[in-house]
Amino acid sequence: MGATKTEYFTDRQNELAVLIKALGHPARIAIIDYLLKTEKCICGDIVNELPLAQPTVSQHLKELKNAGIIKGSVDGNAICYCIDDEVWHKFKGYLNGFFNTYDLKKNKCCYTNIKPKNIDL
């Protein structure tokens, strides 16, 4: 985020942007979904779950690890990945605070006659 003048934003805003950017690809969301179900796994297990080549999966794992969302430890000749609990809870807190700040009932937007679309997540 060199040209975005990150020094003008709070630490929370910068950290949240890094975490959200790291989750900004469907393959990374799939990796997180898998890790949430399995708690920990070897890179090869993730490769078998996704329709992607091993180098591509490794690149996505690297992005998640660089953001701090996951961590890896050497297990024999493989790396075992898992969610970093501390970062995950911090991220959850950021998102909760971010979304809880908005109160739909108090919103006096100029589009009050338009009903929000249902979004399935």
PDB file of N, CA and C in Angstrom:
ATOM      1  N   MET A   1       0.825  -1.189   0.000  1.00  0.00           N
ATOM      2  CA  MET A   1       0.000   0.000   0.000  1.00  0.00           C
ATOM      3  C   MET A   1       0.869   1.252   0.000  1.00  0.00           C
ATOM      4  N   GLY A   2       1.917   1.268  -0.794  1.00  0.00           N
ATOM      5  CA  GLY A   2       2.858   2.365  -0.789  1.00  0.00           C
ATOM      6  C   GLY A   2       2.256   3.708  -1.158  1.00  0.00           C
ATOM      7  N   ALA A   3       1.492   3.779  -2.248  1.00  0.00           N
ATOM      8  CA  ALA A   3       0.967   5.051  -2.732  1.00  0.00           C
ATOM      9  C   ALA A   3      -0.316   5.472  -2.023  1.00  0.00           C
ATOM     10  N   THR A   4      -0.789   4.671  -1.089  1.00  0.00           N
ATOM     11  CA  THR A   4      -2.056   4.993  -0.435  1.00  0.00           C
ATOM     12  C   THR A   4      -1.889   5.815   0.828  1.00  0.00           C
ATOM     13  N   LYS A   5      -0.658   6.181   1.160  1.00  0.00           N
ATOM     14  CA  LYS A   5      -0.391   7.029   2.325  1.00  0.00           C
ATOM     15  C   LYS A   5      -0.944   6.412   3.608  1.00  0.00           C
ATOM     16  N   THR A   6      -0.531   5.196   3.892  1.00  0.00           N
ATOM     17  CA  THR A   6      -1.041   4.453   5.041  1.00  0.00           C
ATOM     18  C   THR A   6      -0.811   5.168   6.364  1.00  0.00           C
ATOM     19  N   GLU A   7       0.147   6.065   6.413  1.00  0.00           N
ATOM     20  CA  GLU A   7       0.415   6.767   7.664  1.00  0.00           C
ATOM     21  C   GLU A   7      -0.739   7.680   8.079  1.00  0.00           C
ATOM     22  N   TYR A   8      -1.637   7.974   7.152  1.00  0.00           N
ATOM     23  CA  TYR A   8      -2.794   8.814   7.464  1.00  0.00           C
ATOM     24  C   TYR A   8      -3.969   8.022   8.049  1.00  0.00           C
ATOM     25  N   PHE A   9      -3.821   6.704   8.112  1.00  0.00           N
ATOM     26  CA  PHE A   9      -4.890   5.842   8.601  1.00  0.00           C
ATOM     27  C   PHE A   9      -4.483   5.199   9.914  1.00  0.00           C
ATOM     28  N   THR A  10      -5.462   4.793  10.685  1.00  0.00           N
ATOM     29  CA  THR A  10      -5.165   4.182  11.984  1.00  0.00           C
ATOM     30  C   THR A  10      -4.554   2.800  11.779  1.00  0.00           C
ATOM     31  N   ASP A  11      -3.907   2.318  12.823  1.00  0.00           N
ATOM     32  CA  ASP A  11      -3.347   0.964  12.768  1.00  0.00           C
ATOM     33  C   ASP A  11      -4.449  -0.049  12.486  1.00  0.00           C
ATOM     34  N   ARG A  12      -5.598   0.134  13.121  1.00  0.00           N
ATOM     35  CA  ARG A  12      -6.721  -0.786  12.914  1.00  0.00           C
ATOM     36  C   ARG A  12      -7.163  -0.775  11.456  1.00  0.00           C
ATOM     37  N   GLN A  13      -7.276   0.403  10.860  1.00  0.00           N
ATOM     38  CA  GLN A  13      -7.693   0.500   9.467  1.00  0.00           C
ATOM     39  C   GLN A  13      -6.680  -0.158   8.533  1.00  0.00           C
ATOM     40  N   ASN A  14      -5.409   0.058   8.795  1.00  0.00           N
ATOM     41  CA  ASN A  14      -4.369  -0.560   7.970  1.00  0.00           C
ATOM     42  C   ASN A  14      -4.346  -2.076   8.129  1.00  0.00           C
ATOM     43  N   GLU A  15      -4.451  -2.551   9.369  1.00  0.00           N
ATOM     44  CA  GLU A  15      -4.453  -3.998   9.604  1.00  0.00           C
ATOM     45  C   GLU A  15      -5.667  -4.659   8.975  1.00  0.00           C
ATOM     46  N   LEU A  16      -6.819  -4.038   9.119  1.00  0.00           N
ATOM     47  CA  LEU A  16      -8.042  -4.583   8.540  1.00  0.00           C
ATOM     48  C   LEU A  16      -7.926  -4.642   7.012  1.00  0.00           C
ATOM     49  N   ALA A  17      -7.350  -3.640   6.401  1.00  0.00           N
ATOM     50  CA  ALA A  17      -7.167  -3.626   4.948  1.00  0.00           C
ATOM     51  C   ALA A  17      -6.253  -4.767   4.498  1.00  0.00           C
ATOM     52  N   VAL A  18      -5.179  -5.018   5.238  1.00  0.00           N
ATOM     53  CA  VAL A  18      -4.257  -6.111   4.895  1.00  0.00           C
ATOM     54  C   VAL A  18      -4.971  -7.462   4.995  1.00  0.00           C
ATOM     55  N   LEU A  19      -5.730  -7.657   6.070  1.00  0.00           N
ATOM     56  CA  LEU A  19      -6.434  -8.923   6.265  1.00  0.00           C
ATOM     57  C   LEU A  19      -7.502  -9.136   5.199  1.00  0.00           C
ATOM     58  N   ILE A  20      -8.263  -8.100   4.906  1.00  0.00           N
ATOM     59  CA  ILE A  20      -9.316  -8.223   3.902  1.00  0.00           C
ATOM     60  C   ILE A  20      -8.709  -8.457   2.518  1.00  0.00           C
ATOM     61  N   LYS A  21      -7.622  -7.782   2.222  1.00  0.00           N
ATOM     62  CA  LYS A  21      -6.962  -7.981   0.928  1.00  0.00           C
ATOM     63  C   LYS A  21      -6.487  -9.427   0.802  1.00  0.00           C
ATOM     64  N   ALA A  22      -5.955  -9.983   1.878  1.00  0.00           N
ATOM     65  CA  ALA A  22      -5.477 -11.368   1.836  1.00  0.00           C
ATOM     66  C   ALA A  22      -6.623 -12.340   1.594  1.00  0.00           C
ATOM     67  N   LEU A  23      -7.822 -11.984   2.010  1.00  0.00           N
ATOM     68  CA  LEU A  23      -8.986 -12.843   1.795  1.00  0.00           C
ATOM     69  C   LEU A  23      -9.732 -12.493   0.507  1.00  0.00           C
ATOM     70  N   GLY A  24      -9.147 -11.633  -0.306  1.00  0.00           N
ATOM     71  CA  GLY A  24      -9.809 -11.135  -1.501  1.00  0.00           C
ATOM     72  C   GLY A  24      -9.742 -12.047  -2.708  1.00  0.00           C
ATOM     73  N   HIS A  25      -9.524 -13.330  -2.519  1.00  0.00           N
ATOM     74  CA  HIS A  25      -9.520 -14.281  -3.627  1.00  0.00           C
ATOM     75  C   HIS A  25     -10.293 -15.522  -3.197  1.00  0.00           C
ATOM     76  N   PRO A  26     -11.153 -16.052  -4.059  1.00  0.00           N
ATOM     77  CA  PRO A  26     -11.961 -17.210  -3.665  1.00  0.00           C
ATOM     78  C   PRO A  26     -11.140 -18.432  -3.256  1.00  0.00           C
ATOM     79  N   ALA A  27      -9.970 -18.608  -3.837  1.00  0.00           N
ATOM     80  CA  ALA A  27      -9.128 -19.747  -3.444  1.00  0.00           C
ATOM     81  C   ALA A  27      -8.679 -19.600  -1.992  1.00  0.00           C
ATOM     82  N   ARG A  28      -8.398 -18.392  -1.561  1.00  0.00           N
ATOM     83  CA  ARG A  28      -7.970 -18.168  -0.178  1.00  0.00           C
ATOM     84  C   ARG A  28      -9.131 -18.366   0.781  1.00  0.00           C
ATOM     85  N   ILE A  29     -10.322 -17.980   0.367  1.00  0.00           N
ATOM     86  CA  ILE A  29     -11.504 -18.244   1.182  1.00  0.00           C
ATOM     87  C   ILE A  29     -11.699 -19.757   1.301  1.00  0.00           C
ATOM     88  N   ALA A  30     -11.509 -20.484   0.204  1.00  0.00           N
ATOM     89  CA  ALA A  30     -11.645 -21.946   0.230  1.00  0.00           C
ATOM     90  C   ALA A  30     -10.599 -22.566   1.157  1.00  0.00           C
ATOM     91  N   ILE A  31      -9.395 -22.036   1.153  1.00  0.00           N
ATOM     92  CA  ILE A  31      -8.344 -22.542   2.037  1.00  0.00           C
ATOM     93  C   ILE A  31      -8.741 -22.311   3.494  1.00  0.00           C
ATOM     94  N   ILE A  32      -9.220 -21.109   3.800  1.00  0.00           N
ATOM     95  CA  ILE A  32      -9.655 -20.807   5.170  1.00  0.00           C
ATOM     96  C   ILE A  32     -10.819 -21.705   5.564  1.00  0.00           C
ATOM     97  N   ASP A  33     -11.803 -21.876   4.668  1.00  0.00           N
ATOM     98  CA  ASP A  33     -12.924 -22.778   4.950  1.00  0.00           C
ATOM     99  C   ASP A  33     -12.413 -24.176   5.300  1.00  0.00           C
ATOM    100  N   TYR A  34     -11.449 -24.657   4.532  1.00  0.00           N
ATOM    101  CA  TYR A  34     -10.899 -25.994   4.769  1.00  0.00           C
ATOM    102  C   TYR A  34     -10.173 -26.055   6.116  1.00  0.00           C
ATOM    103  N   LEU A  35      -9.375 -25.044   6.411  1.00  0.00           N
ATOM    104  CA  LEU A  35      -8.647 -25.026   7.677  1.00  0.00           C
ATOM    105  C   LEU A  35      -9.589 -24.905   8.874  1.00  0.00           C
ATOM    106  N   LEU A  36     -10.682 -24.198   8.708  1.00  0.00           N
ATOM    107  CA  LEU A  36     -11.664 -24.086   9.791  1.00  0.00           C
ATOM    108  C   LEU A  36     -12.323 -25.434  10.080  1.00  0.00           C
ATOM    109  N   LYS A  37     -12.480 -26.252   9.049  1.00  0.00           N
ATOM    110  CA  LYS A  37     -13.079 -27.581   9.229  1.00  0.00           C
ATOM    111  C   LYS A  37     -12.085 -28.586   9.791  1.00  0.00           C
ATOM    112  N   THR A  38     -10.827 -28.489   9.359  1.00  0.00           N
ATOM    113  CA  THR A  38      -9.845 -29.507   9.724  1.00  0.00           C
ATOM    114  C   THR A  38      -8.931 -29.096  10.867  1.00  0.00           C
ATOM    115  N   GLU A  39      -8.893 -27.834  11.200  1.00  0.00           N
ATOM    116  CA  GLU A  39      -8.043 -27.231  12.232  1.00  0.00           C
ATOM    117  C   GLU A  39      -6.583 -27.125  11.801  1.00  0.00           C
ATOM    118  N   LYS A  40      -6.033 -28.166  11.172  1.00  0.00           N
ATOM    119  CA  LYS A  40      -4.667 -28.087  10.646  1.00  0.00           C
ATOM    120  C   LYS A  40      -4.532 -29.098   9.523  1.00  0.00           C
ATOM    121  N   CYS A  41      -3.618 -28.813   8.614  1.00  0.00           N
ATOM    122  CA  CYS A  41      -3.413 -29.761   7.528  1.00  0.00           C
ATOM    123  C   CYS A  41      -2.099 -29.489   6.810  1.00  0.00           C
ATOM    124  N   ILE A  42      -1.700 -30.448   6.034  1.00  0.00           N
ATOM    125  CA  ILE A  42      -0.499 -30.363   5.210  1.00  0.00           C
ATOM    126  C   ILE A  42      -0.890 -29.717   3.876  1.00  0.00           C
ATOM    127  N   CYS A  43       0.044 -29.016   3.267  1.00  0.00           N
ATOM    128  CA  CYS A  43      -0.214 -28.340   1.994  1.00  0.00           C
ATOM    129  C   CYS A  43      -0.811 -29.305   0.971  1.00  0.00           C
ATOM    130  N   GLY A  44      -0.311 -30.521   0.912  1.00  0.00           N
ATOM    131  CA  GLY A  44      -0.821 -31.507  -0.045  1.00  0.00           C
ATOM    132  C   GLY A  44      -2.293 -31.799   0.144  1.00  0.00           C
ATOM    133  N   ASP A  45      -2.772 -31.753   1.392  1.00  0.00           N
ATOM    134  CA  ASP A  45      -4.196 -31.962   1.661  1.00  0.00           C
ATOM    135  C   ASP A  45      -5.025 -30.848   1.023  1.00  0.00           C
ATOM    136  N   ILE A  46      -4.525 -29.629   1.113  1.00  0.00           N
ATOM    137  CA  ILE A  46      -5.230 -28.486   0.534  1.00  0.00           C
ATOM    138  C   ILE A  46      -5.223 -28.596  -0.986  1.00  0.00           C
ATOM    139  N   VAL A  47      -4.091 -29.000  -1.558  1.00  0.00           N
ATOM    140  CA  VAL A  47      -3.990 -29.174  -3.012  1.00  0.00           C
ATOM    141  C   VAL A  47      -5.032 -30.183  -3.484  1.00  0.00           C
ATOM    142  N   ASN A  48      -5.231 -31.257  -2.711  1.00  0.00           N
ATOM    143  CA  ASN A  48      -6.223 -32.268  -3.083  1.00  0.00           C
ATOM    144  C   ASN A  48      -7.650 -31.750  -2.984  1.00  0.00           C
ATOM    145  N   GLU A  49      -7.887 -30.719  -2.176  1.00  0.00           N
ATOM    146  CA  GLU A  49      -9.219 -30.136  -1.996  1.00  0.00           C
ATOM    147  C   GLU A  49      -9.589 -29.133  -3.077  1.00  0.00           C
ATOM    148  N   LEU A  50      -8.598 -28.466  -3.627  1.00  0.00           N
ATOM    149  CA  LEU A  50      -8.855 -27.368  -4.561  1.00  0.00           C
ATOM    150  C   LEU A  50      -8.527 -27.758  -6.000  1.00  0.00           C
ATOM    151  N   PRO A  51      -9.217 -27.161  -6.958  1.00  0.00           N
ATOM    152  CA  PRO A  51      -8.929 -27.451  -8.365  1.00  0.00           C
ATOM    153  C   PRO A  51      -7.780 -26.593  -8.904  1.00  0.00           C
ATOM    154  N   LEU A  52      -6.709 -26.519  -8.126  1.00  0.00           N
ATOM    155  CA  LEU A  52      -5.560 -25.678  -8.480  1.00  0.00           C
ATOM    156  C   LEU A  52      -4.275 -26.476  -8.383  1.00  0.00           C
ATOM    157  N   ALA A  53      -3.280 -26.055  -9.142  1.00  0.00           N
ATOM    158  CA  ALA A  53      -1.970 -26.701  -9.101  1.00  0.00           C
ATOM    159  C   ALA A  53      -1.271 -26.394  -7.779  1.00  0.00           C
ATOM    160  N   GLN A  54      -0.366 -27.251  -7.389  1.00  0.00           N
ATOM    161  CA  GLN A  54       0.362 -27.095  -6.121  1.00  0.00           C
ATOM    162  C   GLN A  54       1.077 -25.751  -6.020  1.00  0.00           C
ATOM    163  N   PRO A  55       1.784 -25.284  -7.069  1.00  0.00           N
ATOM    164  CA  PRO A  55       2.437 -23.966  -6.937  1.00  0.00           C
ATOM    165  C   PRO A  55       1.435 -22.822  -6.703  1.00  0.00           C
ATOM    166  N   THR A  56       0.257 -22.931  -7.307  1.00  0.00           N
ATOM    167  CA  THR A  56      -0.769 -21.905  -7.127  1.00  0.00           C
ATOM    168  C   THR A  56      -1.288 -21.915  -5.693  1.00  0.00           C
ATOM    169  N   VAL A  57      -1.549 -23.108  -5.168  1.00  0.00           N
ATOM    170  CA  VAL A  57      -1.989 -23.229  -3.776  1.00  0.00           C
ATOM    171  C   VAL A  57      -0.918 -22.683  -2.845  1.00  0.00           C
ATOM    172  N   SER A  58       0.331 -23.013  -3.113  1.00  0.00           N
ATOM    173  CA  SER A  58       1.437 -22.518  -2.283  1.00  0.00           C
ATOM    174  C   SER A  58       1.500 -20.998  -2.282  1.00  0.00           C
ATOM    175  N   GLN A  59       1.240 -20.377  -3.434  1.00  0.00           N
ATOM    176  CA  GLN A  59       1.250 -18.914  -3.511  1.00  0.00           C
ATOM    177  C   GLN A  59       0.118 -18.322  -2.663  1.00  0.00           C
ATOM    178  N   HIS A  60      -1.054 -18.941  -2.723  1.00  0.00           N
ATOM    179  CA  HIS A  60      -2.176 -18.458  -1.905  1.00  0.00           C
ATOM    180  C   HIS A  60      -1.887 -18.649  -0.413  1.00  0.00           C
ATOM    181  N   LEU A  61      -1.280 -19.777  -0.060  1.00  0.00           N
ATOM    182  CA  LEU A  61      -0.895 -20.008   1.336  1.00  0.00           C
ATOM    183  C   LEU A  61       0.114 -18.948   1.791  1.00  0.00           C
ATOM    184  N   LYS A  62       1.024 -18.606   0.908  1.00  0.00           N
ATOM    185  CA  LYS A  62       2.032 -17.583   1.227  1.00  0.00           C
ATOM    186  C   LYS A  62       1.363 -16.235   1.510  1.00  0.00           C
ATOM    187  N   GLU A  63       0.378 -15.854   0.701  1.00  0.00           N
ATOM    188  CA  GLU A  63      -0.340 -14.591   0.908  1.00  0.00           C
ATOM    189  C   GLU A  63      -1.071 -14.586   2.254  1.00  0.00           C
ATOM    190  N   LEU A  64      -1.726 -15.704   2.575  1.00  0.00           N
ATOM    191  CA  LEU A  64      -2.438 -15.801   3.857  1.00  0.00           C
ATOM    192  C   LEU A  64      -1.461 -15.764   5.028  1.00  0.00           C
ATOM    193  N   LYS A  65      -0.323 -16.414   4.842  1.00  0.00           N
ATOM    194  CA  LYS A  65       0.695 -16.437   5.905  1.00  0.00           C
ATOM    195  C   LYS A  65       1.323 -15.049   6.083  1.00  0.00           C
ATOM    196  N   ASN A  66       1.612 -14.373   4.981  1.00  0.00           N
ATOM    197  CA  ASN A  66       2.195 -13.021   5.058  1.00  0.00           C
ATOM    198  C   ASN A  66       1.263 -12.043   5.766  1.00  0.00           C
ATOM    199  N   ALA A  67      -0.038 -12.230   5.605  1.00  0.00           N
ATOM    200  CA  ALA A  67      -1.018 -11.372   6.281  1.00  0.00           C
ATOM    201  C   ALA A  67      -1.180 -11.771   7.741  1.00  0.00           C
ATOM    202  N   GLY A  68      -0.663 -12.956   8.116  1.00  0.00           N
ATOM    203  CA  GLY A  68      -0.746 -13.405   9.500  1.00  0.00           C
ATOM    204  C   GLY A  68      -1.984 -14.230   9.810  1.00  0.00           C
ATOM    205  N   ILE A  69      -2.817 -14.472   8.815  1.00  0.00           N
ATOM    206  CA  ILE A  69      -4.062 -15.201   9.055  1.00  0.00           C
ATOM    207  C   ILE A  69      -3.793 -16.673   9.377  1.00  0.00           C
ATOM    208  N   ILE A  70      -2.793 -17.238   8.716  1.00  0.00           N
ATOM    209  CA  ILE A  70      -2.430 -18.625   8.989  1.00  0.00           C
ATOM    210  C   ILE A  70      -0.972 -18.675   9.408  1.00  0.00           C
ATOM    211  N   LYS A  71      -0.604 -19.800   9.993  1.00  0.00           N
ATOM    212  CA  LYS A  71       0.791 -20.032  10.328  1.00  0.00           C
ATOM    213  C   LYS A  71       1.123 -21.453   9.920  1.00  0.00           C
ATOM    214  N   GLY A  72       2.391 -21.701   9.740  1.00  0.00           N
ATOM    215  CA  GLY A  72       2.823 -23.021   9.320  1.00  0.00           C
ATOM    216  C   GLY A  72       3.986 -23.495  10.162  1.00  0.00           C
ATOM    217  N   SER A  73       4.023 -24.803  10.377  1.00  0.00           N
ATOM    218  CA  SER A  73       5.142 -25.397  11.104  1.00  0.00           C
ATOM    219  C   SER A  73       5.609 -26.623  10.343  1.00  0.00           C
ATOM    220  N   VAL A  74       6.898 -26.883  10.418  1.00  0.00           N
ATOM    221  CA  VAL A  74       7.480 -28.016   9.712  1.00  0.00           C
ATOM    222  C   VAL A  74       7.069 -29.302  10.410  1.00  0.00           C
ATOM    223  N   ASP A  75       6.544 -30.226   9.628  1.00  0.00           N
ATOM    224  CA  ASP A  75       6.118 -31.536  10.124  1.00  0.00           C
ATOM    225  C   ASP A  75       6.777 -32.580   9.223  1.00  0.00           C
ATOM    226  N   GLY A  76       7.955 -33.020   9.616  1.00  0.00           N
ATOM    227  CA  GLY A  76       8.727 -33.917   8.762  1.00  0.00           C
ATOM    228  C   GLY A  76       9.246 -33.138   7.569  1.00  0.00           C
ATOM    229  N   ASN A  77       8.897 -33.589   6.363  1.00  0.00           N
ATOM    230  CA  ASN A  77       9.338 -32.855   5.171  1.00  0.00           C
ATOM    231  C   ASN A  77       8.189 -32.047   4.558  1.00  0.00           C
ATOM    232  N   ALA A  78       7.141 -31.800   5.318  1.00  0.00           N
ATOM    233  CA  ALA A  78       6.001 -31.020   4.854  1.00  0.00           C
ATOM    234  C   ALA A  78       5.723 -29.888   5.847  1.00  0.00           C
ATOM    235  N   ILE A  79       4.935 -28.938   5.402  1.00  0.00           N
ATOM    236  CA  ILE A  79       4.529 -27.836   6.277  1.00  0.00           C
ATOM    237  C   ILE A  79       3.060 -28.028   6.650  1.00  0.00           C
ATOM    238  N   CYS A  80       2.794 -27.955   7.946  1.00  0.00           N
ATOM    239  CA  CYS A  80       1.441 -28.103   8.468  1.00  0.00           C
ATOM    240  C   CYS A  80       0.893 -26.698   8.730  1.00  0.00           C
ATOM    241  N   TYR A  81      -0.252 -26.382   8.129  1.00  0.00           N
ATOM    242  CA  TYR A  81      -0.847 -25.059   8.253  1.00  0.00           C
ATOM    243  C   TYR A  81      -2.053 -25.076   9.183  1.00  0.00           C
ATOM    244  N   CYS A  82      -2.276 -23.950   9.857  1.00  0.00           N
ATOM    245  CA  CYS A  82      -3.454 -23.774  10.699  1.00  0.00           C
ATOM    246  C   CYS A  82      -3.762 -22.285  10.805  1.00  0.00           C
ATOM    247  N   ILE A  83      -4.974 -21.981  11.268  1.00  0.00           N
ATOM    248  CA  ILE A  83      -5.375 -20.592  11.507  1.00  0.00           C
ATOM    249  C   ILE A  83      -4.573 -20.054  12.691  1.00  0.00           C
ATOM    250  N   ASP A  84      -4.091 -18.825  12.596  1.00  0.00           N
ATOM    251  CA  ASP A  84      -3.422 -18.187  13.724  1.00  0.00           C
ATOM    252  C   ASP A  84      -4.515 -17.627  14.637  1.00  0.00           C
ATOM    253  N   ASP A  85      -4.715 -18.271  15.782  1.00  0.00           N
ATOM    254  CA  ASP A  85      -5.806 -17.912  16.698  1.00  0.00           C
ATOM    255  C   ASP A  85      -5.799 -16.433  17.082  1.00  0.00           C
ATOM    256  N   GLU A  86      -4.638 -15.916  17.409  1.00  0.00           N
ATOM    257  CA  GLU A  86      -4.540 -14.528  17.871  1.00  0.00           C
ATOM    258  C   GLU A  86      -4.990 -13.555  16.781  1.00  0.00           C
ATOM    259  N   VAL A  87      -4.485 -13.746  15.575  1.00  0.00           N
ATOM    260  CA  VAL A  87      -4.849 -12.859  14.465  1.00  0.00           C
ATOM    261  C   VAL A  87      -6.317 -13.042  14.096  1.00  0.00           C
ATOM    262  N   TRP A  88      -6.790 -14.294  14.121  1.00  0.00           N
ATOM    263  CA  TRP A  88      -8.186 -14.575  13.762  1.00  0.00           C
ATOM    264  C   TRP A  88      -9.148 -13.862  14.716  1.00  0.00           C
ATOM    265  N   HIS A  89      -8.865 -13.920  16.016  1.00  0.00           N
ATOM    266  CA  HIS A  89      -9.736 -13.253  16.993  1.00  0.00           C
ATOM    267  C   HIS A  89      -9.654 -11.731  16.870  1.00  0.00           C
ATOM    268  N   LYS A  90      -8.472 -11.224  16.559  1.00  0.00           N
ATOM    269  CA  LYS A  90      -8.316  -9.788  16.353  1.00  0.00           C
ATOM    270  C   LYS A  90      -9.115  -9.352  15.125  1.00  0.00           C
ATOM    271  N   PHE A  91      -9.020 -10.128  14.048  1.00  0.00           N
ATOM    272  CA  PHE A  91      -9.753  -9.854  12.817  1.00  0.00           C
ATOM    273  C   PHE A  91     -11.261  -9.894  13.074  1.00  0.00           C
ATOM    274  N   LYS A  92     -11.708 -10.892  13.812  1.00  0.00           N
ATOM    275  CA  LYS A  92     -13.122 -11.024  14.165  1.00  0.00           C
ATOM    276  C   LYS A  92     -13.593  -9.793  14.937  1.00  0.00           C
ATOM    277  N   GLY A  93     -12.774  -9.340  15.878  1.00  0.00           N
ATOM    278  CA  GLY A  93     -13.104  -8.142  16.648  1.00  0.00           C
ATOM    279  C   GLY A  93     -13.198  -6.908  15.772  1.00  0.00           C
ATOM    280  N   TYR A  94     -12.242  -6.771  14.837  1.00  0.00           N
ATOM    281  CA  TYR A  94     -12.275  -5.642  13.908  1.00  0.00           C
ATOM    282  C   TYR A  94     -13.570  -5.656  13.099  1.00  0.00           C
ATOM    283  N   LEU A  95     -13.911  -6.831  12.543  1.00  0.00           N
ATOM    284  CA  LEU A  95     -15.108  -6.923  11.714  1.00  0.00           C
ATOM    285  C   LEU A  95     -16.378  -6.703  12.530  1.00  0.00           C
ATOM    286  N   ASN A  96     -16.440  -7.277  13.718  1.00  0.00           N
ATOM    287  CA  ASN A  96     -17.605  -7.060  14.576  1.00  0.00           C
ATOM    288  C   ASN A  96     -17.787  -5.575  14.864  1.00  0.00           C
ATOM    289  N   GLY A  97     -16.704  -4.906  15.240  1.00  0.00           N
ATOM    290  CA  GLY A  97     -16.774  -3.474  15.514  1.00  0.00           C
ATOM    291  C   GLY A  97     -17.155  -2.683  14.280  1.00  0.00           C
ATOM    292  N   PHE A  98     -16.610  -3.087  13.167  1.00  0.00           N
ATOM    293  CA  PHE A  98     -16.872  -2.428  11.887  1.00  0.00           C
ATOM    294  C   PHE A  98     -18.349  -2.526  11.531  1.00  0.00           C
ATOM    295  N   PHE A  99     -18.927  -3.723  11.600  1.00  0.00           N
ATOM    296  CA  PHE A  99     -20.322  -3.914  11.225  1.00  0.00           C
ATOM    297  C   PHE A  99     -21.297  -3.473  12.312  1.00  0.00           C
ATOM    298  N   ASN A 100     -20.926  -3.590  13.565  1.00  0.00           N
ATOM    299  CA  ASN A 100     -21.817  -3.186  14.650  1.00  0.00           C
ATOM    300  C   ASN A 100     -21.962  -1.671  14.762  1.00  0.00           C
ATOM    301  N   THR A 101     -21.056  -0.935  14.166  1.00  0.00           N
ATOM    302  CA  THR A 101     -21.126   0.522  14.177  1.00  0.00           C
ATOM    303  C   THR A 101     -22.319   1.018  13.374  1.00  0.00           C
ATOM    304  N   TYR A 102     -22.694   0.266  12.369  1.00  0.00           N
ATOM    305  CA  TYR A 102     -23.791   0.646  11.487  1.00  0.00           C
ATOM    306  C   TYR A 102     -25.105   0.142  12.051  1.00  0.00           C
ATOM    307  N   ASP A 103     -26.051   1.034  12.196  1.00  0.00           N
ATOM    308  CA  ASP A 103     -27.369   0.676  12.703  1.00  0.00           C
ATOM    309  C   ASP A 103     -28.379   0.948  11.595  1.00  0.00           C
ATOM    310  N   LEU A 104     -28.893  -0.119  10.997  1.00  0.00           N
ATOM    311  CA  LEU A 104     -29.809  -0.004   9.867  1.00  0.00           C
ATOM    312  C   LEU A 104     -31.040   0.828  10.201  1.00  0.00           C
ATOM    313  N   LYS A 105     -31.565   0.691  11.411  1.00  0.00           N
ATOM    314  CA  LYS A 105     -32.784   1.400  11.781  1.00  0.00           C
ATOM    315  C   LYS A 105     -32.564   2.908  11.900  1.00  0.00           C
ATOM    316  N   LYS A 106     -31.342   3.307  12.222  1.00  0.00           N
ATOM    317  CA  LYS A 106     -31.059   4.735  12.389  1.00  0.00           C
ATOM    318  C   LYS A 106     -30.578   5.385  11.096  1.00  0.00           C
ATOM    319  N   ASN A 107     -30.302   4.584  10.088  1.00  0.00           N
ATOM    320  CA  ASN A 107     -29.774   5.111   8.847  1.00  0.00           C
ATOM    321  C   ASN A 107     -30.826   5.961   8.140  1.00  0.00           C
ATOM    322  N   LYS A 108     -30.483   7.178   7.872  1.00  0.00           N
ATOM    323  CA  LYS A 108     -31.400   8.099   7.204  1.00  0.00           C
ATOM    324  C   LYS A 108     -30.871   8.413   5.801  1.00  0.00           C
ATOM    325  N   CYS A 109     -30.562   7.393   5.079  1.00  0.00           N
ATOM    326  CA  CYS A 109     -30.009   7.539   3.732  1.00  0.00           C
ATOM    327  C   CYS A 109     -31.074   8.088   2.779  1.00  0.00           C
ATOM    328  N   CYS A 110     -30.648   8.713   1.734  1.00  0.00           N
ATOM    329  CA  CYS A 110     -31.590   9.273   0.757  1.00  0.00           C
ATOM    330  C   CYS A 110     -32.313   8.185  -0.029  1.00  0.00           C
ATOM    331  N   TYR A 111     -31.892   6.955   0.106  1.00  0.00           N
ATOM    332  CA  TYR A 111     -32.532   5.846  -0.603  1.00  0.00           C
ATOM    333  C   TYR A 111     -33.411   5.021   0.332  1.00  0.00           C
ATOM    334  N   THR A 112     -34.064   5.635   1.274  1.00  0.00           N
ATOM    335  CA  THR A 112     -34.847   4.901   2.273  1.00  0.00           C
ATOM    336  C   THR A 112     -36.027   4.154   1.673  1.00  0.00           C
ATOM    337  N   ASN A 113     -36.476   4.528   0.484  1.00  0.00           N
ATOM    338  CA  ASN A 113     -37.597   3.827  -0.135  1.00  0.00           C
ATOM    339  C   ASN A 113     -37.176   2.564  -0.869  1.00  0.00           C
ATOM    340  N   ILE A 114     -35.890   2.356  -1.026  1.00  0.00           N
ATOM    341  CA  ILE A 114     -35.377   1.172  -1.714  1.00  0.00           C
ATOM    342  C   ILE A 114     -35.096   0.107  -0.666  1.00  0.00           C
ATOM    343  N   LYS A 115     -35.651  -1.068  -0.868  1.00  0.00           N
ATOM    344  CA  LYS A 115     -35.428  -2.164   0.073  1.00  0.00           C
ATOM    345  C   LYS A 115     -34.101  -2.848  -0.264  1.00  0.00           C
ATOM    346  N   PRO A 116     -33.306  -3.210   0.768  1.00  0.00           N
ATOM    347  CA  PRO A 116     -32.034  -3.891   0.503  1.00  0.00           C
ATOM    348  C   PRO A 116     -32.279  -5.264  -0.097  1.00  0.00           C
ATOM    349  N   LYS A 117     -31.373  -5.682  -0.978  1.00  0.00           N
ATOM    350  CA  LYS A 117     -31.441  -7.007  -1.583  1.00  0.00           C
ATOM    351  C   LYS A 117     -31.040  -8.043  -0.554  1.00  0.00           C
ATOM    352  N   ASN A 118     -31.618  -9.213  -0.658  1.00  0.00           N
ATOM    353  CA  ASN A 118     -31.190 -10.318   0.188  1.00  0.00           C
ATOM    354  C   ASN A 118     -29.858 -10.832  -0.323  1.00  0.00           C
ATOM    355  N   ILE A 119     -28.942 -10.993   0.575  1.00  0.00           N
ATOM    356  CA  ILE A 119     -27.612 -11.473   0.222  1.00  0.00           C
ATOM    357  C   ILE A 119     -27.384 -12.785   0.936  1.00  0.00           C
ATOM    358  N   ASP A 120     -27.130 -13.828   0.173  1.00  0.00           N
ATOM    359  CA  ASP A 120     -26.841 -15.140   0.761  1.00  0.00           C
ATOM    360  C   ASP A 120     -25.345 -15.271   0.923  1.00  0.00           C
ATOM    361  N   LEU A 121     -24.895 -15.521   2.142  1.00  0.00           N
ATOM    362  CA  LEU A 121     -23.471 -15.738   2.389  1.00  0.00           C
ATOM    363  C   LEU A 121     -23.224 -17.153   2.782  1.00  0.00           C
TER     364      LEU A 121
END
